[in-house]
N, C-alpha and C. Protein backbone atom coordinates (compact mmCIF):
# COMPACT_ATOMS: atom_id res chain seq x y z
N MET A 1 189.46 108.19 148.74
CA MET A 1 188.10 108.40 148.02
C MET A 1 188.23 108.06 146.48
N ALA A 2 187.04 107.02 146.61
CA ALA A 2 186.94 106.27 145.40
C ALA A 2 186.76 107.05 143.89
N LYS A 3 187.39 106.96 142.89
CA LYS A 3 187.25 107.59 141.81
C LYS A 3 185.74 107.23 141.11
N LYS A 4 184.99 108.06 140.78
CA LYS A 4 183.77 107.95 139.89
C LYS A 4 184.07 107.42 138.66
N GLY A 5 183.55 106.03 138.06
CA GLY A 5 183.52 105.95 136.97
C GLY A 5 182.64 106.45 135.84
N ASN A 6 182.86 106.17 134.51
CA ASN A 6 181.93 106.53 133.47
C ASN A 6 180.79 105.28 133.18
N ARG A 7 180.70 104.20 133.74
CA ARG A 7 179.87 103.51 133.65
C ARG A 7 178.60 103.71 134.80
N VAL A 8 177.52 103.70 134.04
CA VAL A 8 176.28 103.91 134.75
C VAL A 8 175.06 102.68 134.29
N GLN A 9 174.15 102.62 135.04
CA GLN A 9 172.99 101.63 135.15
C GLN A 9 172.03 102.44 134.42
N VAL A 10 171.51 101.74 133.38
CA VAL A 10 170.24 102.25 132.67
C VAL A 10 169.31 101.23 132.40
N ILE A 11 167.93 101.74 132.23
CA ILE A 11 166.70 100.90 132.13
C ILE A 11 166.27 100.83 130.53
N LEU A 12 166.27 99.72 130.17
CA LEU A 12 165.72 99.51 128.63
C LEU A 12 164.26 99.46 128.74
N GLU A 13 163.43 99.90 127.86
CA GLU A 13 161.83 99.73 127.99
C GLU A 13 161.43 99.45 126.67
N CYS A 14 160.56 98.41 126.40
CA CYS A 14 160.16 97.81 125.16
C CYS A 14 158.96 99.14 124.34
N THR A 15 159.12 99.50 123.38
CA THR A 15 158.60 100.54 122.91
C THR A 15 157.12 99.84 122.06
N GLU A 16 157.22 98.82 121.57
CA GLU A 16 156.13 98.13 120.84
C GLU A 16 155.15 97.80 121.97
N HIS A 17 155.38 97.25 122.96
CA HIS A 17 154.49 96.82 124.18
C HIS A 17 153.63 98.02 124.68
N LYS A 18 154.39 98.88 124.89
CA LYS A 18 153.58 100.33 125.59
C LYS A 18 152.46 100.70 124.34
N GLU A 19 152.90 101.00 123.24
CA GLU A 19 151.98 101.25 121.96
C GLU A 19 150.56 100.08 121.86
N SER A 20 151.00 98.84 122.39
CA SER A 20 150.01 97.79 122.13
C SER A 20 149.16 97.82 123.01
N GLY A 21 149.04 98.44 124.13
CA GLY A 21 147.76 98.31 125.09
C GLY A 21 147.85 97.29 126.14
N MET A 22 148.71 96.32 126.04
CA MET A 22 148.66 95.03 126.61
C MET A 22 149.06 95.29 128.06
N PRO A 23 148.81 94.71 129.34
CA PRO A 23 148.97 94.82 130.56
C PRO A 23 150.53 94.42 130.89
N GLY A 24 151.21 95.25 131.61
CA GLY A 24 152.51 94.97 131.78
C GLY A 24 153.58 95.68 130.99
N THR A 25 154.91 95.55 131.55
CA THR A 25 155.83 96.13 130.69
C THR A 25 157.04 95.02 130.36
N SER A 26 157.92 95.27 129.45
CA SER A 26 159.23 94.62 129.31
C SER A 26 160.38 95.61 129.56
N ARG A 27 161.03 95.38 130.57
CA ARG A 27 162.30 95.99 130.93
C ARG A 27 163.35 94.94 131.38
N TYR A 28 164.50 95.72 130.87
CA TYR A 28 165.97 95.18 131.27
C TYR A 28 166.80 96.20 131.82
N ILE A 29 167.59 95.87 132.75
CA ILE A 29 168.71 96.79 133.31
C ILE A 29 169.88 96.45 132.73
N THR A 30 170.67 97.12 132.43
CA THR A 30 172.21 97.12 131.85
C THR A 30 172.96 98.24 132.37
N THR A 31 174.20 98.42 131.63
CA THR A 31 175.23 99.42 131.96
C THR A 31 175.72 99.78 130.86
N LYS A 32 176.13 101.29 130.79
CA LYS A 32 176.55 101.48 129.40
C LYS A 32 177.63 102.86 129.97
N ASN A 33 178.51 102.98 128.89
CA ASN A 33 179.57 103.81 129.20
C ASN A 33 179.16 105.33 128.93
N LYS A 34 179.08 106.15 129.55
CA LYS A 34 178.27 107.31 129.12
C LYS A 34 179.22 108.35 128.56
N LYS A 35 180.48 108.10 128.47
CA LYS A 35 181.55 108.58 127.76
C LYS A 35 181.57 108.38 126.20
N ASN A 36 181.12 107.26 126.13
CA ASN A 36 181.15 106.49 124.76
C ASN A 36 179.67 106.75 124.30
N THR A 37 178.69 106.50 124.85
CA THR A 37 177.65 106.78 124.26
C THR A 37 176.73 107.44 125.06
N PRO A 38 176.95 108.92 125.00
CA PRO A 38 176.19 110.01 125.56
C PRO A 38 174.74 110.18 125.30
N ASP A 39 174.52 109.65 124.20
CA ASP A 39 172.91 109.67 123.65
C ASP A 39 172.03 108.37 124.32
N ARG A 40 170.74 108.26 124.06
CA ARG A 40 170.29 107.05 124.63
C ARG A 40 170.24 105.77 123.99
N MET A 41 170.12 104.97 124.34
CA MET A 41 170.77 103.41 123.79
C MET A 41 169.31 102.78 123.19
N GLU A 42 169.50 102.04 122.05
CA GLU A 42 168.34 101.43 121.30
C GLU A 42 168.99 99.78 121.30
N LEU A 43 168.43 99.07 121.76
CA LEU A 43 168.73 97.59 121.74
C LEU A 43 167.77 96.80 121.23
N LYS A 44 167.82 95.65 120.48
CA LYS A 44 166.58 94.74 119.98
C LYS A 44 167.09 93.74 121.16
N LYS A 45 165.60 93.30 122.09
CA LYS A 45 165.72 92.47 123.19
C LYS A 45 164.66 91.80 122.99
N TYR A 46 164.43 90.79 123.37
CA TYR A 46 163.13 89.71 123.32
C TYR A 46 161.97 89.97 124.64
N ASN A 47 160.71 90.15 123.87
CA ASN A 47 159.92 90.58 124.85
C ASN A 47 159.00 89.22 125.10
N SER A 48 158.99 88.94 126.29
CA SER A 48 158.11 87.63 126.65
C SER A 48 156.80 87.58 126.49
N ILE A 49 156.36 88.91 126.56
CA ILE A 49 154.84 89.06 126.55
C ILE A 49 154.29 88.79 124.92
N LEU A 50 154.93 89.55 124.36
CA LEU A 50 154.73 89.56 122.82
C LEU A 50 155.34 88.39 122.21
N LYS A 51 156.33 87.59 122.70
CA LYS A 51 156.90 86.63 122.34
C LYS A 51 157.93 86.63 120.95
N ARG A 52 158.29 87.71 120.72
CA ARG A 52 159.27 88.08 119.71
C ARG A 52 160.30 89.40 120.21
N MET A 53 161.37 89.51 119.38
CA MET A 53 162.40 90.58 119.50
C MET A 53 161.56 91.71 119.10
N THR A 54 161.82 92.59 119.86
CA THR A 54 161.46 93.97 119.76
C THR A 54 162.36 95.06 120.04
N VAL A 55 162.28 96.70 119.63
CA VAL A 55 163.19 97.52 120.05
C VAL A 55 163.01 98.15 121.64
N HIS A 56 163.99 97.82 122.36
CA HIS A 56 163.94 98.48 123.83
C HIS A 56 164.71 100.06 123.84
N LYS A 57 164.46 100.77 124.16
CA LYS A 57 164.79 102.44 124.24
C LYS A 57 164.99 102.55 125.65
N GLU A 58 166.18 103.26 125.94
CA GLU A 58 166.63 103.80 127.47
C GLU A 58 165.49 104.85 127.79
N ILE A 59 165.13 104.60 129.29
CA ILE A 59 164.16 105.67 129.68
C ILE A 59 164.84 106.34 130.83
N LYS A 60 164.28 107.40 131.25
CA LYS A 60 164.87 108.40 132.16
C LYS A 60 166.12 108.88 132.01
């Protein structure tokens, strides 16, 4: 039986894009160690629709 690890896949979604009302979404998929970072992640990532770096927060 395989041991279940602490790494989980998470989706990051742009916060500014959602508020702007423009069509589409900017999302990234990444992994995190849920033991080291139990709360939701926030990273600055590039939003190709807004053409600048924006804050992306973990969803779900």
